[in-house]
PDB file of N, CA and C in Angstrom:
ATOM      1  N   MET A   1     -23.387  -2.264   1.055  1.00  0.00           N
ATOM      2  CA  MET A   1     -22.130  -2.984   1.176  1.00  0.00           C
ATOM      3  C   MET A   1     -21.518  -3.234  -0.200  1.00  0.00           C
ATOM      4  N   GLY A   2     -22.344  -3.492  -1.190  1.00  0.00           N
ATOM      5  CA  GLY A   2     -21.857  -3.758  -2.531  1.00  0.00           C
ATOM      6  C   GLY A   2     -21.179  -2.543  -3.147  1.00  0.00           C
ATOM      7  N   LYS A   3     -21.741  -1.350  -2.872  1.00  0.00           N
ATOM      8  CA  LYS A   3     -21.142  -0.126  -3.411  1.00  0.00           C
ATOM      9  C   LYS A   3     -19.772   0.127  -2.790  1.00  0.00           C
ATOM     10  N   ALA A   4     -19.642  -0.138  -1.501  1.00  0.00           N
ATOM     11  CA  ALA A   4     -18.356   0.057  -0.830  1.00  0.00           C
ATOM     12  C   ALA A   4     -17.312  -0.903  -1.373  1.00  0.00           C
ATOM     13  N   LEU A   5     -17.712  -2.130  -1.620  1.00  0.00           N
ATOM     14  CA  LEU A   5     -16.786  -3.121  -2.176  1.00  0.00           C
ATOM     15  C   LEU A   5     -16.374  -2.738  -3.589  1.00  0.00           C
ATOM     16  N   LEU A   6     -17.315  -2.282  -4.390  1.00  0.00           N
ATOM     17  CA  LEU A   6     -17.004  -1.826  -5.745  1.00  0.00           C
ATOM     18  C   LEU A   6     -16.032  -0.645  -5.714  1.00  0.00           C
ATOM     19  N   ALA A   7     -16.275   0.321  -4.833  1.00  0.00           N
ATOM     20  CA  ALA A   7     -15.401   1.489  -4.729  1.00  0.00           C
ATOM     21  C   ALA A   7     -13.998   1.077  -4.298  1.00  0.00           C
ATOM     22  N   MET A   8     -13.880   0.143  -3.360  1.00  0.00           N
ATOM     23  CA  MET A   8     -12.573  -0.309  -2.894  1.00  0.00           C
ATOM     24  C   MET A   8     -11.809  -1.022  -4.006  1.00  0.00           C
ATOM     25  N   ILE A   9     -12.476  -1.908  -4.704  1.00  0.00           N
ATOM     26  CA  ILE A   9     -11.819  -2.663  -5.778  1.00  0.00           C
ATOM     27  C   ILE A   9     -11.383  -1.731  -6.897  1.00  0.00           C
ATOM     28  N   MET A  10     -12.247  -0.813  -7.291  1.00  0.00           N
ATOM     29  CA  MET A  10     -11.892   0.122  -8.354  1.00  0.00           C
ATOM     30  C   MET A  10     -10.738   1.025  -7.945  1.00  0.00           C
ATOM     31  N   THR A  11     -10.704   1.442  -6.687  1.00  0.00           N
ATOM     32  CA  THR A  11      -9.617   2.294  -6.206  1.00  0.00           C
ATOM     33  C   THR A  11      -8.289   1.559  -6.239  1.00  0.00           C
ATOM     34  N   VAL A  12      -8.292   0.309  -5.829  1.00  0.00           N
ATOM     35  CA  VAL A  12      -7.053  -0.490  -5.851  1.00  0.00           C
ATOM     36  C   VAL A  12      -6.587  -0.694  -7.301  1.00  0.00           C
ATOM     37  N   ILE A  13      -7.515  -1.005  -8.176  1.00  0.00           N
ATOM     38  CA  ILE A  13      -7.156  -1.236  -9.582  1.00  0.00           C
ATOM     39  C   ILE A  13      -6.613   0.042 -10.212  1.00  0.00           C
ATOM     40  N   VAL A  14      -7.291   1.166  -9.998  1.00  0.00           N
ATOM     41  CA  VAL A  14      -6.834   2.434 -10.573  1.00  0.00           C
ATOM     42  C   VAL A  14      -5.478   2.824  -9.998  1.00  0.00           C
ATOM     43  N   GLY A  15      -5.277   2.629  -8.704  1.00  0.00           N
ATOM     44  CA  GLY A  15      -3.988   2.943  -8.092  1.00  0.00           C
ATOM     45  C   GLY A  15      -2.871   2.069  -8.622  1.00  0.00           C
ATOM     46  N   PHE A  16      -3.155   0.794  -8.794  1.00  0.00           N
ATOM     47  CA  PHE A  16      -2.145  -0.148  -9.293  1.00  0.00           C
ATOM     48  C   PHE A  16      -1.735   0.195 -10.721  1.00  0.00           C
ATOM     49  N   PHE A  17      -2.736   0.349 -11.595  1.00  0.00           N
ATOM     50  CA  PHE A  17      -2.427   0.657 -12.981  1.00  0.00           C
ATOM     51  C   PHE A  17      -1.898   2.083 -13.154  1.00  0.00           C
ATOM     52  N   GLY A  18      -2.374   3.008 -12.332  1.00  0.00           N
ATOM     53  CA  GLY A  18      -1.852   4.371 -12.380  1.00  0.00           C
ATOM     54  C   GLY A  18      -0.387   4.424 -11.991  1.00  0.00           C
ATOM     55  N   SER A  19      -0.009   3.666 -10.970  1.00  0.00           N
ATOM     56  CA  SER A  19       1.400   3.616 -10.566  1.00  0.00           C
ATOM     57  C   SER A  19       2.259   3.028 -11.669  1.00  0.00           C
ATOM     58  N   GLY A  20       1.781   1.972 -12.296  1.00  0.00           N
ATOM     59  CA  GLY A  20       2.530   1.376 -13.405  1.00  0.00           C
ATOM     60  C   GLY A  20       2.657   2.309 -14.586  1.00  0.00           C
ATOM     61  N   PHE A  21       1.574   2.994 -14.917  1.00  0.00           N
ATOM     62  CA  PHE A  21       1.589   3.921 -16.053  1.00  0.00           C
ATOM     63  C   PHE A  21       2.529   5.090 -15.796  1.00  0.00           C
ATOM     64  N   PHE A  22       2.367   5.732 -14.643  1.00  0.00           N
ATOM     65  CA  PHE A  22       3.191   6.897 -14.351  1.00  0.00           C
ATOM     66  C   PHE A  22       4.646   6.527 -14.078  1.00  0.00           C
ATOM     67  N   ALA A  23       4.900   5.326 -13.579  1.00  0.00           N
ATOM     68  CA  ALA A  23       6.279   4.896 -13.349  1.00  0.00           C
ATOM     69  C   ALA A  23       7.011   4.700 -14.665  1.00  0.00           C
ATOM     70  N   SER A  24       6.321   4.192 -15.673  1.00  0.00           N
ATOM     71  CA  SER A  24       6.998   3.923 -16.934  1.00  0.00           C
ATOM     72  C   SER A  24       7.101   5.155 -17.828  1.00  0.00           C
ATOM     73  N   PHE A  25       6.120   6.055 -17.775  1.00  0.00           N
ATOM     74  CA  PHE A  25       6.139   7.200 -18.671  1.00  0.00           C
ATOM     75  C   PHE A  25       6.661   8.483 -18.031  1.00  0.00           C
ATOM     76  N   ALA A  26       6.382   8.697 -16.767  1.00  0.00           N
ATOM     77  CA  ALA A  26       6.763   9.964 -16.139  1.00  0.00           C
ATOM     78  C   ALA A  26       7.793   9.768 -15.023  1.00  0.00           C
ATOM     79  N   ASN A  27       8.184   8.526 -14.754  1.00  0.00           N
ATOM     80  CA  ASN A  27       9.121   8.202 -13.681  1.00  0.00           C
ATOM     81  C   ASN A  27       8.637   8.760 -12.336  1.00  0.00           C
ATOM     82  N   ALA A  28       7.348   8.667 -12.095  1.00  0.00           N
ATOM     83  CA  ALA A  28       6.751   9.163 -10.858  1.00  0.00           C
ATOM     84  C   ALA A  28       5.643   8.214 -10.409  1.00  0.00           C
ATOM     85  N   PRO A  29       5.991   7.044  -9.848  1.00  0.00           N
ATOM     86  CA  PRO A  29       4.953   6.075  -9.471  1.00  0.00           C
ATOM     87  C   PRO A  29       4.033   6.546  -8.352  1.00  0.00           C
ATOM     88  N   GLU A  30       4.440   7.559  -7.590  1.00  0.00           N
ATOM     89  CA  GLU A  30       3.593   8.042  -6.497  1.00  0.00           C
ATOM     90  C   GLU A  30       2.328   8.718  -7.006  1.00  0.00           C
ATOM     91  N   TRP A  31       2.284   9.092  -8.271  1.00  0.00           N
ATOM     92  CA  TRP A  31       1.090   9.700  -8.833  1.00  0.00           C
ATOM     93  C   TRP A  31      -0.060   8.713  -8.897  1.00  0.00           C
ATOM     94  N   GLY A  32       0.239   7.422  -8.878  1.00  0.00           N
ATOM     95  CA  GLY A  32      -0.816   6.416  -8.831  1.00  0.00           C
ATOM     96  C   GLY A  32      -1.614   6.492  -7.547  1.00  0.00           C
ATOM     97  N   VAL A  33      -0.942   6.801  -6.456  1.00  0.00           N
ATOM     98  CA  VAL A  33      -1.624   6.950  -5.168  1.00  0.00           C
ATOM     99  C   VAL A  33      -2.543   8.170  -5.204  1.00  0.00           C
ATOM    100  N   VAL A  34      -2.054   9.249  -5.771  1.00  0.00           N
ATOM    101  CA  VAL A  34      -2.870  10.461  -5.885  1.00  0.00           C
ATOM    102  C   VAL A  34      -4.106  10.182  -6.741  1.00  0.00           C
ATOM    103  N   LEU A  35      -3.917   9.465  -7.824  1.00  0.00           N
ATOM    104  CA  LEU A  35      -5.037   9.102  -8.697  1.00  0.00           C
ATOM    105  C   LEU A  35      -6.042   8.220  -7.955  1.00  0.00           C
ATOM    106  N   ALA A  36      -5.559   7.274  -7.162  1.00  0.00           N
ATOM    107  CA  ALA A  36      -6.456   6.395  -6.401  1.00  0.00           C
ATOM    108  C   ALA A  36      -7.273   7.188  -5.374  1.00  0.00           C
ATOM    109  N   VAL A  37      -6.645   8.135  -4.705  1.00  0.00           N
ATOM    110  CA  VAL A  37      -7.362   8.964  -3.734  1.00  0.00           C
ATOM    111  C   VAL A  37      -8.410   9.826  -4.434  1.00  0.00           C
ATOM    112  N   ALA A  38      -8.071  10.327  -5.611  1.00  0.00           N
ATOM    113  CA  ALA A  38      -9.035  11.129  -6.369  1.00  0.00           C
ATOM    114  C   ALA A  38     -10.236  10.286  -6.792  1.00  0.00           C
ATOM    115  N   VAL A  39     -10.002   9.050  -7.195  1.00  0.00           N
ATOM    116  CA  VAL A  39     -11.101   8.155  -7.578  1.00  0.00           C
ATOM    117  C   VAL A  39     -11.998   7.866  -6.372  1.00  0.00           C
ATOM    118  N   MET A  40     -11.399   7.604  -5.223  1.00  0.00           N
ATOM    119  CA  MET A  40     -12.204   7.339  -4.027  1.00  0.00           C
ATOM    120  C   MET A  40     -13.008   8.578  -3.635  1.00  0.00           C
ATOM    121  N   GLY A  41     -12.416   9.755  -3.756  1.00  0.00           N
ATOM    122  CA  GLY A  41     -13.157  10.987  -3.485  1.00  0.00           C
ATOM    123  C   GLY A  41     -14.331  11.154  -4.433  1.00  0.00           C
ATOM    124  N   GLY A  42     -14.120  10.800  -5.691  1.00  0.00           N
ATOM    125  CA  GLY A  42     -15.207  10.855  -6.657  1.00  0.00           C
ATOM    126  C   GLY A  42     -16.345   9.910  -6.305  1.00  0.00           C
ATOM    127  N   PHE A  43     -15.991   8.705  -5.865  1.00  0.00           N
ATOM    128  CA  PHE A  43     -17.017   7.746  -5.437  1.00  0.00           C
ATOM    129  C   PHE A  43     -17.789   8.279  -4.237  1.00  0.00           C
ATOM    130  N   ILE A  44     -17.104   8.863  -3.278  1.00  0.00           N
ATOM    131  CA  ILE A  44     -17.763   9.388  -2.077  1.00  0.00           C
ATOM    132  C   ILE A  44     -18.739  10.494  -2.457  1.00  0.00           C
ATOM    133  N   ILE A  45     -18.293  11.429  -3.294  1.00  0.00           N
ATOM    134  CA  ILE A  45     -19.170  12.521  -3.707  1.00  0.00           C
ATOM    135  C   ILE A  45     -20.356  11.986  -4.510  1.00  0.00           C
ATOM    136  N   TYR A  46     -20.117  11.051  -5.415  1.00  0.00           N
ATOM    137  CA  TYR A  46     -21.188  10.496  -6.230  1.00  0.00           C
ATOM    138  C   TYR A  46     -22.237   9.789  -5.379  1.00  0.00           C
ATOM    139  N   PHE A  47     -21.786   8.933  -4.451  1.00  0.00           N
ATOM    140  CA  PHE A  47     -22.744   8.178  -3.640  1.00  0.00           C
ATOM    141  C   PHE A  47     -23.495   9.076  -2.644  1.00  0.00           C
ATOM    142  N   ASN A  48     -22.841  10.143  -2.149  1.00  0.00           N
ATOM    143  CA  ASN A  48     -23.536  11.074  -1.244  1.00  0.00           C
ATOM    144  C   ASN A  48     -24.581  11.891  -1.997  1.00  0.00           C
ATOM    145  N   ASP A  49     -24.273  12.318  -3.209  1.00  0.00           N
ATOM    146  CA  ASP A  49     -25.245  13.080  -3.988  1.00  0.00           C
ATOM    147  C   ASP A  49     -26.404  12.212  -4.432  1.00  0.00           C
ATOM    148  N   LYS A  50     -26.162  10.940  -4.646  1.00  0.00           N
ATOM    149  CA  LYS A  50     -27.208  10.031  -5.111  1.00  0.00           C
ATOM    150  C   LYS A  50     -28.236   9.739  -4.012  1.00  0.00           C
ATOM    151  N   LYS A  51     -27.856   9.867  -2.728  1.00  0.00           N
ATOM    152  CA  LYS A  51     -28.767   9.584  -1.612  1.00  0.00           C
ATOM    153  C   LYS A  51     -29.877  10.626  -1.506  1.00  0.00           C
ATOM    154  N   LYS A  52     -29.628  11.841  -1.932  1.00  0.00           N
ATOM    155  CA  LYS A  52     -30.591  12.932  -1.756  1.00  0.00           C
ATOM    156  C   LYS A  52     -31.725  12.854  -2.727  1.00  0.00           C
TER     157      LYS A  52
END
């Protein structure tokens, strides 16, 4: 449960700051969502590989 909570919090933080960063520099705040999904995918792959 702790790993899932950590992954959720980190995804929200990365998405929030990614949207702010890309909105101010590239005028594309939707890239923050893409970055958040990529981070969550990384967490899923990492935690699945760690179980084996």
